[in-house]
Amino acid sequence: MKRSSVFTVSTYLGHIHCEVSSTGVRQCMLVRRLFASAASAASAGAQFDLARPIVNTKVHWVGGANFEGTDNDGRTVKISGGSGDGVSPMNMLLLALGSCASVDLVSVLKKQRTELERLDIAVQGQRGTRAPKPYEKAHMTFTVAGKGVTKEQVEYALALSMEKYCGVHGTLHNAVDITWEADVEDTAAALPKEAVSA
């Protein structure tokens, strides 16, 4: 009768359990270990500074791969994973980045009394190849059109957003290589001189 034995090897990632028979290794399985930081976060919870505001959001499962997210002000958004019909969480990260910078752009141009006519933002992201496949790179292309708007104005406003105002960029930039560019059209320059003077 053939006998088998079991041995365990501890590694940085976890414990490897192997069953060995007289003919050699039959099966090995890696049992991943919870890293200390993750285990601590799960057991202790966040330690907030109660002297500062805390943002409260909720995610409610509505069936299948669909969820409803509710923001701090009670507004809702549909979120889905896999084959659901809502926006995926990873896509929402890119949308949050692009919209956050755009809010700042509109605000700065308004203060400069620039008449904005069109603003479109394309946000591209590239994820890593190993699970959990976080974003490694993100690139935003801002297409801006308005009367008297200049590329210098737009780039100045976007630089302010990235360096000072946009909280999403501030949250992600240490983990993701974020770049951006602006395509600017002065619609007043395209009008006939008589139309501009009128």
Protein backbone atom coordinates (compact mmCIF):
# COMPACT_ATOMS: atom_id res chain seq x y z
CA MET A 1 0.00 0.00 0.00
CA LYS A 2 1.40 3.35 -1.04
CA ARG A 3 1.68 5.94 1.66
CA SER A 4 1.43 9.69 1.26
CA SER A 5 2.63 12.49 3.49
CA VAL A 6 1.86 16.15 3.77
CA PHE A 7 4.27 18.99 4.38
CA THR A 8 3.88 22.75 4.59
CA VAL A 9 6.30 25.46 3.49
CA SER A 10 5.85 29.03 4.70
CA THR A 11 6.58 31.81 2.21
CA TYR A 12 6.10 35.58 2.07
CA LEU A 13 2.86 35.13 0.13
CA GLY A 14 1.46 32.42 2.38
CA HIS A 15 1.67 28.70 3.15
CA ILE A 16 2.26 26.05 0.48
CA HIS A 17 0.62 22.73 1.40
CA CYS A 18 1.87 19.71 -0.56
CA GLU A 19 0.78 16.07 -0.58
CA VAL A 20 3.60 13.68 -1.44
CA SER A 21 3.32 10.04 -2.45
CA SER A 22 5.96 7.43 -3.17
CA THR A 23 5.97 8.53 -6.79
CA GLY A 24 6.57 12.19 -6.00
CA VAL A 25 4.59 15.35 -5.40
CA ARG A 26 0.92 14.82 -6.11
CA GLN A 27 -0.58 18.22 -5.37
CA CYS A 28 0.46 21.56 -3.94
CA MET A 29 -1.78 24.44 -2.94
CA LEU A 30 -0.88 28.00 -1.96
CA VAL A 31 -2.92 29.44 0.88
CA ARG A 32 -2.36 33.18 0.70
CA ARG A 33 -1.70 35.04 3.89
CA LEU A 34 -3.48 38.25 4.79
CA PHE A 35 -0.95 41.01 4.93
CA ALA A 36 -0.74 42.75 8.27
CA SER A 37 -2.03 46.06 6.95
CA ALA A 38 -5.09 44.48 5.33
CA ALA A 39 -5.90 42.41 8.40
CA SER A 40 -5.51 45.43 10.64
CA ALA A 41 -7.78 47.55 8.42
CA ALA A 42 -10.46 44.84 8.40
CA SER A 43 -10.47 44.40 12.17
CA ALA A 44 -9.89 47.90 13.48
CA GLY A 45 -11.72 50.06 10.95
CA ALA A 46 -10.69 53.56 9.94
CA GLN A 47 -9.58 55.97 12.61
CA PHE A 48 -11.02 59.27 11.38
CA ASP A 49 -10.14 62.71 12.65
CA LEU A 50 -13.54 63.69 14.06
CA ALA A 51 -12.59 67.36 13.94
CA ARG A 52 -12.77 67.27 10.13
CA PRO A 53 -15.68 66.43 7.77
CA ILE A 54 -16.24 62.78 6.84
CA VAL A 55 -17.82 61.89 3.48
CA ASN A 56 -20.45 59.15 3.73
CA THR A 57 -21.42 57.06 0.71
CA LYS A 58 -23.32 53.80 0.36
CA VAL A 59 -23.46 50.95 -2.14
CA HIS A 60 -26.62 48.82 -2.27
CA TRP A 61 -26.85 45.53 -4.17
CA VAL A 62 -29.91 45.49 -6.47
CA GLY A 63 -29.45 42.02 -7.93
CA GLY A 64 -27.14 40.22 -10.31
CA ALA A 65 -23.99 42.24 -10.89
CA ASN A 66 -25.79 45.55 -10.36
CA PHE A 67 -25.46 48.01 -7.51
CA GLU A 68 -26.78 51.44 -6.64
CA GLY A 69 -24.33 53.93 -5.23
CA THR A 70 -25.55 56.86 -3.13
CA ASP A 71 -23.31 59.85 -2.57
CA ASN A 72 -22.97 62.10 0.45
CA ASP A 73 -25.89 64.28 -0.78
CA GLY A 74 -28.26 61.42 -1.59
CA ARG A 75 -27.73 61.35 -5.37
CA THR A 76 -27.57 57.90 -6.93
CA VAL A 77 -25.59 56.21 -9.70
CA LYS A 78 -25.87 52.74 -11.20
CA ILE A 79 -22.75 50.61 -10.88
CA SER A 80 -22.21 47.18 -12.40
CA GLY A 81 -19.59 44.52 -12.70
CA GLY A 82 -19.22 41.90 -15.40
CA SER A 83 -22.24 41.91 -17.71
CA GLY A 84 -24.30 44.46 -15.78
CA ASP A 85 -25.69 47.54 -17.52
CA GLY A 86 -24.24 50.15 -15.15
CA VAL A 87 -20.82 51.78 -15.13
CA SER A 88 -18.02 49.53 -13.89
CA PRO A 89 -16.05 50.60 -10.80
CA MET A 90 -12.78 50.84 -12.75
CA ASN A 91 -14.42 53.00 -15.43
CA MET A 92 -15.84 55.20 -12.71
CA LEU A 93 -12.31 55.93 -11.55
CA LEU A 94 -11.44 57.35 -14.98
CA LEU A 95 -14.73 59.25 -15.18
CA ALA A 96 -14.09 60.72 -11.73
CA LEU A 97 -10.62 61.84 -12.75
CA GLY A 98 -11.80 63.50 -15.97
CA SER A 99 -14.85 65.16 -14.46
CA CYS A 100 -12.96 66.41 -11.42
CA ALA A 101 -10.40 68.21 -13.58
CA SER A 102 -13.17 69.52 -15.84
CA VAL A 103 -15.08 71.10 -12.94
CA ASP A 104 -11.92 73.03 -12.06
CA LEU A 105 -11.33 73.99 -15.70
CA VAL A 106 -14.83 75.43 -16.10
CA SER A 107 -14.53 77.31 -12.80
CA VAL A 108 -11.17 78.92 -13.66
CA LEU A 109 -12.24 79.91 -17.19
CA LYS A 110 -15.41 81.46 -15.79
CA LYS A 111 -13.35 83.58 -13.39
CA GLN A 112 -11.30 84.70 -16.40
CA ARG A 113 -14.56 85.72 -18.13
CA THR A 114 -13.92 83.28 -20.94
CA GLU A 115 -17.02 82.25 -22.90
CA LEU A 116 -16.87 78.47 -23.01
CA GLU A 117 -18.91 76.84 -25.80
CA ARG A 118 -17.78 73.21 -25.77
CA LEU A 119 -15.80 70.93 -23.52
CA ASP A 120 -15.17 67.23 -24.11
CA ILE A 121 -12.79 65.02 -22.18
CA ALA A 122 -11.47 61.66 -23.33
CA VAL A 123 -9.84 59.65 -20.54
CA GLN A 124 -7.80 56.55 -21.34
CA GLY A 125 -6.44 54.13 -18.80
CA GLN A 126 -4.11 51.15 -18.95
CA ARG A 127 -4.18 48.49 -16.24
CA GLY A 128 -1.47 46.18 -15.00
CA THR A 129 -1.25 42.55 -16.06
CA ARG A 130 -1.24 40.99 -12.59
CA ALA A 131 -4.24 40.84 -10.27
CA PRO A 132 -5.78 43.04 -9.01
CA LYS A 133 -4.70 44.83 -12.23
CA PRO A 134 -4.67 48.42 -10.95
CA TYR A 135 -4.37 51.29 -13.37
CA GLU A 136 -0.74 52.06 -14.16
CA LYS A 137 -1.26 54.88 -16.65
CA ALA A 138 -4.03 57.37 -17.41
CA HIS A 139 -4.16 60.07 -20.09
CA MET A 140 -6.72 62.85 -20.46
CA THR A 141 -7.39 64.78 -23.67
CA PHE A 142 -9.38 68.00 -23.21
CA THR A 143 -11.09 69.43 -26.29
CA VAL A 144 -12.09 73.01 -25.54
CA ALA A 145 -13.83 75.60 -27.72
CA GLY A 146 -14.96 79.12 -26.92
CA LYS A 147 -14.83 82.76 -27.95
CA GLY A 148 -11.43 84.20 -27.13
CA VAL A 149 -10.21 81.12 -25.30
CA THR A 150 -6.48 80.47 -25.63
CA LYS A 151 -4.36 77.38 -25.17
CA GLU A 152 -2.37 79.18 -22.49
CA GLN A 153 -5.54 79.85 -20.45
CA VAL A 154 -6.66 76.25 -20.67
CA GLU A 155 -3.26 74.80 -19.80
CA TYR A 156 -2.92 77.19 -16.86
CA ALA A 157 -6.34 76.17 -15.54
CA LEU A 158 -5.58 72.47 -15.93
CA ALA A 159 -2.20 72.81 -14.25
CA LEU A 160 -3.93 74.47 -11.28
CA SER A 161 -6.42 71.61 -11.16
CA MET A 162 -3.78 68.87 -11.23
CA GLU A 163 -1.45 70.54 -8.75
CA LYS A 164 -3.88 72.16 -6.33
CA TYR A 165 -7.61 71.57 -6.67
CA CYS A 166 -8.57 68.15 -8.05
CA GLY A 167 -8.94 65.73 -5.15
CA VAL A 168 -9.26 62.71 -7.44
CA HIS A 169 -5.94 63.52 -9.09
CA GLY A 170 -4.43 64.10 -5.66
CA THR A 171 -5.66 60.69 -4.53
CA LEU A 172 -4.42 58.78 -7.57
CA HIS A 173 -1.27 60.50 -8.76
CA ASN A 174 1.14 58.65 -6.46
CA ALA A 175 -0.11 55.30 -7.75
CA VAL A 176 -0.92 56.11 -11.40
CA ASP A 177 1.16 57.88 -14.06
CA ILE A 178 -1.33 60.60 -15.09
CA THR A 179 -0.73 62.78 -18.17
CA TRP A 180 -2.92 65.23 -20.07
CA GLU A 181 -3.10 67.42 -23.17
CA ALA A 182 -5.44 70.14 -24.45
CA ASP A 183 -6.80 70.83 -27.92
CA VAL A 184 -8.14 74.40 -27.92
CA GLU A 185 -10.21 76.25 -30.53
CA ASP A 186 -10.90 79.99 -30.40
CA THR A 187 -14.26 80.20 -32.17
CA ALA A 188 -14.03 84.00 -32.42
CA ALA A 189 -10.91 83.69 -34.58
CA ALA A 190 -12.86 81.57 -37.06
CA LEU A 191 -15.58 84.20 -37.55
CA PRO A 192 -15.47 86.90 -40.26
CA LYS A 193 -14.20 90.26 -38.98
CA GLU A 194 -17.59 91.91 -39.42
CA ALA A 195 -19.24 89.22 -37.30
CA VAL A 196 -16.70 89.70 -34.51
CA SER A 197 -17.10 93.50 -34.53
CA ALA A 198 -20.89 93.21 -34.51
